Amino acid sequence: MGVSAERREVRCGQRSRTRRTDTRRGCEQVRLTLRTLTHTQNFPLAMTDGTNSQRLPSGVALLDIDICGPSIPKMMGLEGEQVHQSGSGWSPVYVEENLGVMSVGFLLSSPDDAVIWRGPKKNGLIKQFLRDVDWGEVDYLIVDTPPGTSDEHLSIVQYLGAAHIDGAVIVTTPQEVSLQDVRKEINFCHKVKLPIIGVVENMSGFICPKCKNESQIFPPTTGGAEKMCQNLNVSLLGKVPLDPQIGRSCDKGQSFFSEAPESPATLSYRSIIQRIQEFCDQHQFQEEKII
């Protein structure tokens, strides 16, 4: 408590497969990630723009299960949009043709409305999102959850247990107060037998846009994510430096990559996403060999 929401949350993703199930229509691999709010917006945008490595633009579904704090509609520029129902289920709201979004925020009459629900009702909506949303054929499903290791996290791991989740991407900031919570999330992944793809360090220094010198706004007093990863034998996927434009882009619902294509943070995002995709491709290859 009392720590910025910029620290960490959870999400999960999948890849397209011709075989369909009720809980994940048109989706294939599952990736579950513990990360920050700004990554919620920037990861799917980078995956869909087709400029990451040699890949074609991916079809991405973004599912927001942060029931009490649904910020995805604001960050994706979708405030005021509504969910429509068809014969095949709920239709997601689309940012682009290949990027669909579903959130409890679309079901509220006002973005300021409080959602005051106990665990069973939250779990029921999460199950309904997984069962009834018609995503079509997509490459990735990214599920955004609140910080912590509570109802939403347990539910999504349980409901997608048969989907062979690729793994978790865990995001922290350099200071020890954040690392303490992230160690708990790593422990959570071990306890529920969820593979860990790696860790991302967010707010990792500030690079002056004029002189290009780097300053440590949040000093890594205990070694930061790099030291933690060494101690816990977890991969460090990369570090994302502070950039005020990230916050401005989220507030305006605009793509940070379009606003600041040459920013060090943009380049870092793209490198991290490429490493995540490579891990998931390898995981899928190994699964197919077993099958």
Protein backbone atom coordinates (compact mmCIF):
# COMPACT_ATOMS: atom_id res chain seq x y z
CA MET A 1 0.00 0.00 0.00
CA GLY A 2 1.12 3.55 -0.59
CA VAL A 3 3.35 2.56 -3.52
CA SER A 4 2.72 3.98 -6.99
CA ALA A 5 0.64 1.88 -9.39
CA GLU A 6 3.51 2.52 -11.84
CA ARG A 7 5.21 -0.41 -10.20
CA ARG A 8 3.69 -3.69 -11.28
CA GLU A 9 0.56 -5.58 -12.32
CA VAL A 10 -0.27 -8.79 -14.18
CA ARG A 11 -1.24 -9.63 -17.69
CA CYS A 12 -1.42 -12.69 -19.85
CA GLY A 13 -1.23 -13.34 -23.54
CA GLN A 14 -1.94 -15.97 -26.15
CA ARG A 15 -1.35 -16.88 -29.77
CA SER A 16 -3.79 -18.01 -32.43
CA ARG A 17 -4.62 -21.67 -32.91
CA THR A 18 -7.31 -23.16 -35.14
CA ARG A 19 -8.76 -25.23 -32.31
CA ARG A 20 -11.19 -23.17 -30.21
CA THR A 21 -12.30 -23.43 -26.61
CA ASP A 22 -14.97 -21.52 -24.71
CA THR A 23 -12.49 -19.60 -22.56
CA ARG A 24 -10.20 -18.33 -25.31
CA ARG A 25 -11.85 -18.10 -28.70
CA GLY A 26 -9.41 -17.92 -31.57
CA CYS A 27 -6.35 -17.67 -29.27
CA GLU A 28 -3.38 -19.98 -28.97
CA GLN A 29 -0.47 -19.36 -26.59
CA VAL A 30 -0.86 -17.75 -23.20
CA ARG A 31 1.57 -15.20 -21.75
CA LEU A 32 1.00 -13.85 -18.27
CA THR A 33 2.91 -10.74 -17.28
CA LEU A 34 3.34 -8.81 -14.06
CA ARG A 35 4.13 -5.24 -15.12
CA THR A 36 3.25 -1.56 -15.01
CA LEU A 37 0.35 0.52 -16.26
CA THR A 38 2.34 2.22 -19.01
CA HIS A 39 3.52 -1.18 -20.27
CA THR A 40 -0.15 -2.19 -20.53
CA GLN A 41 -0.55 0.38 -23.26
CA ASN A 42 2.86 0.18 -24.93
CA PHE A 43 3.36 -3.58 -25.24
CA PRO A 44 0.25 -4.20 -27.40
CA LEU A 45 0.87 -1.07 -29.46
CA ALA A 46 4.41 -2.21 -30.27
CA MET A 47 3.20 -5.69 -31.17
CA THR A 48 0.59 -4.38 -33.60
CA ASP A 49 2.61 -1.75 -35.48
CA GLY A 50 4.74 -4.25 -37.38
CA THR A 51 8.06 -2.45 -36.82
CA ASN A 52 9.44 -4.88 -34.23
CA SER A 53 12.18 -7.02 -35.82
CA GLN A 54 11.22 -8.92 -38.98
CA ARG A 55 7.70 -9.75 -37.86
CA LEU A 56 4.43 -8.91 -39.53
CA PRO A 57 1.96 -6.84 -37.45
CA SER A 58 0.38 -9.10 -34.85
CA GLY A 59 -3.28 -9.42 -33.95
CA VAL A 60 -3.54 -8.52 -30.27
CA ALA A 61 -6.39 -8.80 -27.77
CA LEU A 62 -6.05 -6.73 -24.58
CA LEU A 63 -8.19 -7.87 -21.66
CA ASP A 64 -8.36 -5.62 -18.59
CA ILE A 65 -9.26 -7.55 -15.43
CA ASP A 66 -8.28 -4.75 -13.06
CA ILE A 67 -11.91 -4.68 -11.96
CA CYS A 68 -11.65 -1.89 -9.37
CA GLY A 69 -9.20 0.33 -11.28
CA PRO A 70 -9.85 -0.08 -15.02
CA SER A 71 -7.49 2.45 -16.59
CA ILE A 72 -7.08 0.73 -19.97
CA PRO A 73 -9.92 2.61 -21.73
CA LYS A 74 -8.32 5.95 -20.79
CA MET A 75 -4.82 4.92 -21.84
CA MET A 76 -5.92 3.41 -25.14
CA GLY A 77 -8.03 6.46 -26.09
CA LEU A 78 -11.31 4.55 -25.74
CA GLU A 79 -13.12 6.44 -22.97
CA GLY A 80 -16.85 6.64 -23.62
CA GLU A 81 -16.90 3.54 -25.84
CA GLN A 82 -19.41 0.76 -25.14
CA VAL A 83 -19.43 -3.00 -25.53
CA HIS A 84 -21.83 -4.46 -28.10
CA GLN A 85 -23.29 -7.95 -28.05
CA SER A 86 -23.80 -10.15 -31.09
CA GLY A 87 -24.78 -13.72 -31.73
CA SER A 88 -21.18 -14.83 -31.20
CA GLY A 89 -20.74 -13.00 -27.87
CA TRP A 90 -19.43 -9.65 -26.66
CA SER A 91 -17.56 -7.67 -29.28
CA PRO A 92 -14.35 -6.00 -28.08
CA VAL A 93 -13.70 -2.31 -28.70
CA TYR A 94 -11.03 -1.78 -31.35
CA VAL A 95 -8.16 0.70 -31.24
CA GLU A 96 -6.96 -0.52 -34.63
CA GLU A 97 -8.13 -3.30 -36.89
CA ASN A 98 -5.65 -5.68 -35.24
CA LEU A 99 -5.93 -4.43 -31.63
CA GLY A 100 -9.11 -5.17 -29.66
CA VAL A 101 -9.78 -4.23 -26.03
CA MET A 102 -12.23 -5.42 -23.36
CA SER A 103 -12.55 -3.82 -19.92
CA VAL A 104 -15.06 -3.39 -17.12
CA GLY A 105 -14.53 0.33 -17.76
CA PHE A 106 -16.72 -0.01 -20.85
CA LEU A 107 -19.57 -1.25 -18.65
CA LEU A 108 -19.58 1.74 -16.28
CA SER A 109 -21.83 4.77 -16.77
CA SER A 110 -18.96 7.09 -15.70
CA PRO A 111 -15.17 6.61 -15.47
CA ASP A 112 -15.43 7.92 -11.89
CA ASP A 113 -17.84 5.15 -10.80
CA ALA A 114 -16.44 2.92 -8.06
CA VAL A 115 -16.66 -0.84 -8.49
CA ILE A 116 -17.21 -2.24 -4.99
CA TRP A 117 -17.22 -6.00 -5.44
CA ARG A 118 -16.08 -8.95 -3.39
CA GLY A 119 -13.98 -11.75 -4.82
CA PRO A 120 -16.74 -14.07 -6.14
CA LYS A 121 -18.32 -11.33 -8.26
CA LYS A 122 -14.93 -10.31 -9.66
CA ASN A 123 -14.16 -13.91 -10.52
CA GLY A 124 -17.53 -14.29 -12.23
CA LEU A 125 -16.86 -11.33 -14.52
CA ILE A 126 -13.36 -12.57 -15.33
CA LYS A 127 -14.80 -15.94 -16.31
CA GLN A 128 -17.45 -14.21 -18.43
CA PHE A 129 -14.79 -12.13 -20.20
CA LEU A 130 -12.82 -15.27 -21.04
CA ARG A 131 -15.89 -17.23 -22.11
CA ASP A 132 -18.08 -14.70 -23.91
CA VAL A 133 -15.80 -12.19 -25.67
CA ASP A 134 -15.44 -12.99 -29.39
CA TRP A 135 -11.89 -11.86 -30.22
CA GLY A 136 -11.75 -13.56 -33.59
CA GLU A 137 -8.36 -14.92 -34.63
CA VAL A 138 -5.52 -13.18 -32.75
CA ASP A 139 -1.83 -13.82 -32.12
CA TYR A 140 -1.62 -12.52 -28.57
CA LEU A 141 -4.01 -12.11 -25.65
CA ILE A 142 -2.68 -9.68 -23.03
CA VAL A 143 -4.54 -9.73 -19.72
CA ASP A 144 -4.02 -6.73 -17.45
CA THR A 145 -4.57 -7.28 -13.72
CA PRO A 146 -4.09 -5.14 -10.63
CA PRO A 147 -0.91 -5.17 -8.52
CA GLY A 148 -0.46 -8.02 -6.11
CA THR A 149 -1.17 -11.74 -5.89
CA SER A 150 -4.88 -11.83 -5.06
CA ASP A 151 -8.24 -13.00 -6.49
CA GLU A 152 -7.71 -11.74 -10.03
CA HIS A 153 -4.31 -13.39 -10.37
CA LEU A 154 -5.41 -16.71 -8.93
CA SER A 155 -8.53 -16.69 -11.11
CA ILE A 156 -6.76 -15.97 -14.39
CA VAL A 157 -4.13 -18.65 -13.74
CA GLN A 158 -6.83 -21.17 -12.81
CA TYR A 159 -9.17 -20.38 -15.71
CA LEU A 160 -6.36 -20.48 -18.27
CA GLY A 161 -4.60 -23.44 -16.72
CA ALA A 162 -5.43 -25.68 -19.69
CA ALA A 163 -4.19 -23.05 -22.16
CA HIS A 164 -0.51 -23.65 -21.37
CA ILE A 165 0.50 -20.15 -20.27
CA ASP A 166 3.87 -19.30 -21.77
CA GLY A 167 5.08 -17.43 -18.72
CA ALA A 168 5.16 -14.23 -16.71
CA VAL A 169 6.95 -10.99 -17.43
CA ILE A 170 7.50 -9.19 -14.15
CA VAL A 171 8.12 -5.45 -14.02
CA THR A 172 9.68 -3.55 -11.14
CA THR A 173 11.25 -0.18 -10.43
CA PRO A 174 14.83 0.05 -9.09
CA GLN A 175 14.12 0.89 -5.44
CA GLU A 176 13.98 -1.77 -2.74
CA VAL A 177 10.39 -0.97 -1.71
CA SER A 178 9.29 -2.13 -5.15
CA LEU A 179 11.66 -5.09 -5.30
CA GLN A 180 10.19 -6.44 -2.05
CA ASP A 181 6.75 -6.75 -3.64
CA VAL A 182 8.14 -8.15 -6.87
CA ARG A 183 9.96 -10.91 -5.00
CA LYS A 184 6.54 -11.93 -3.66
CA GLU A 185 5.20 -12.01 -7.21
CA ILE A 186 8.09 -14.21 -8.31
CA ASN A 187 7.32 -16.47 -5.37
CA PHE A 188 3.66 -16.51 -6.45
CA CYS A 189 4.68 -17.68 -9.92
CA HIS A 190 6.76 -20.50 -8.45
CA LYS A 191 3.92 -21.61 -6.16
CA VAL A 192 1.34 -21.78 -8.98
CA LYS A 193 3.91 -23.33 -11.35
CA LEU A 194 3.81 -20.38 -13.72
CA PRO A 195 6.98 -20.04 -15.86
CA ILE A 196 8.79 -16.70 -15.64
CA ILE A 197 9.93 -15.20 -18.94
CA GLY A 198 11.90 -12.47 -17.21
CA VAL A 199 11.94 -9.14 -15.39
CA VAL A 200 11.77 -5.59 -16.76
CA GLU A 201 13.11 -2.65 -14.76
CA ASN A 202 10.89 0.39 -15.32
CA MET A 203 11.84 4.01 -14.46
CA SER A 204 15.46 2.93 -14.79
CA GLY A 205 17.25 6.26 -14.81
CA PHE A 206 16.50 9.45 -16.72
CA ILE A 207 18.37 10.30 -19.92
CA CYS A 208 18.50 14.06 -20.54
CA PRO A 209 17.14 14.75 -24.06
CA LYS A 210 19.72 17.54 -24.54
CA CYS A 211 23.01 16.45 -23.01
CA LYS A 212 22.20 12.67 -23.10
CA ASN A 213 23.65 12.20 -19.61
CA GLU A 214 21.84 9.71 -17.39
CA SER A 215 20.64 10.50 -13.85
CA GLN A 216 19.32 7.99 -11.31
CA ILE A 217 15.99 9.41 -10.11
CA PHE A 218 15.25 6.20 -8.17
CA PRO A 219 18.67 4.91 -7.06
CA PRO A 220 18.95 1.10 -6.96
CA THR A 221 20.05 1.03 -3.33
CA THR A 222 20.15 -2.78 -3.20
CA GLY A 223 21.30 -3.36 -6.76
CA GLY A 224 17.96 -2.96 -8.53
CA ALA A 225 16.37 -5.55 -10.78
CA GLU A 226 19.72 -6.72 -12.11
CA LYS A 227 20.96 -7.84 -8.70
CA MET A 228 17.59 -9.35 -7.81
CA CYS A 229 17.55 -11.38 -11.03
CA GLN A 230 21.05 -12.69 -10.33
CA ASN A 231 20.05 -13.73 -6.81
CA LEU A 232 16.81 -15.42 -7.91
CA ASN A 233 18.14 -16.91 -11.17
CA VAL A 234 15.62 -15.01 -13.31
CA SER A 235 16.32 -13.38 -16.69
CA LEU A 236 16.52 -9.59 -16.92
CA LEU A 237 14.74 -8.66 -20.16
CA GLY A 238 15.78 -5.01 -20.13
CA LYS A 239 15.49 -1.58 -18.55
CA VAL A 240 13.08 1.20 -19.57
CA PRO A 241 14.31 4.73 -18.70
CA LEU A 242 12.01 7.48 -17.47
CA ASP A 243 10.42 9.56 -20.21
CA PRO A 244 7.75 12.19 -19.37
CA GLN A 245 6.20 11.60 -22.78
CA ILE A 246 5.10 8.12 -21.69
CA GLY A 247 2.80 9.60 -19.04
CA ARG A 248 1.52 12.29 -21.38
CA SER A 249 0.75 9.72 -24.06
CA CYS A 250 -1.17 7.55 -21.61
CA ASP A 251 -3.19 10.52 -20.34
CA LYS A 252 -4.11 11.47 -23.92
CA GLY A 253 -4.73 7.92 -25.09
CA GLN A 254 -2.06 8.24 -27.77
CA SER A 255 0.70 5.90 -28.93
CA PHE A 256 4.01 6.70 -27.27
CA PHE A 257 5.80 5.03 -30.17
CA SER A 258 4.25 7.47 -32.63
CA GLU A 259 4.91 10.46 -30.40
CA ALA A 260 8.54 9.58 -29.58
CA PRO A 261 9.84 6.98 -32.07
CA GLU A 262 13.52 7.71 -31.33
CA SER A 263 13.24 7.89 -27.55
CA PRO A 264 15.61 5.61 -25.59
CA ALA A 265 12.47 4.23 -23.90
CA THR A 266 10.96 3.31 -27.27
CA LEU A 267 14.10 1.48 -28.30
CA SER A 268 14.16 -0.33 -24.96
CA TYR A 269 10.51 -1.35 -25.28
CA ARG A 270 11.11 -2.82 -28.72
CA SER A 271 14.14 -4.81 -27.56
CA ILE A 272 12.20 -6.20 -24.58
CA ILE A 273 9.21 -7.16 -26.70
CA GLN A 274 11.44 -8.94 -29.19
CA ARG A 275 12.98 -11.01 -26.38
CA ILE A 276 9.51 -11.87 -25.04
CA GLN A 277 8.32 -12.96 -28.48
CA GLU A 278 11.43 -15.08 -29.02
CA PHE A 279 10.88 -16.81 -25.66
CA CYS A 280 7.24 -17.51 -26.50
CA ASP A 281 8.11 -18.82 -29.96
CA GLN A 282 10.59 -21.22 -28.40
CA HIS A 283 8.04 -22.27 -25.78
CA GLN A 284 5.48 -22.97 -28.50
CA PHE A 285 8.02 -25.00 -30.48
CA GLN A 286 8.80 -27.14 -27.44
CA GLU A 287 5.10 -27.69 -26.74
CA GLU A 288 4.47 -28.79 -30.32
CA LYS A 289 7.35 -31.28 -30.06
CA ILE A 290 5.74 -32.78 -26.96
CA ILE A 291 2.37 -33.02 -28.70
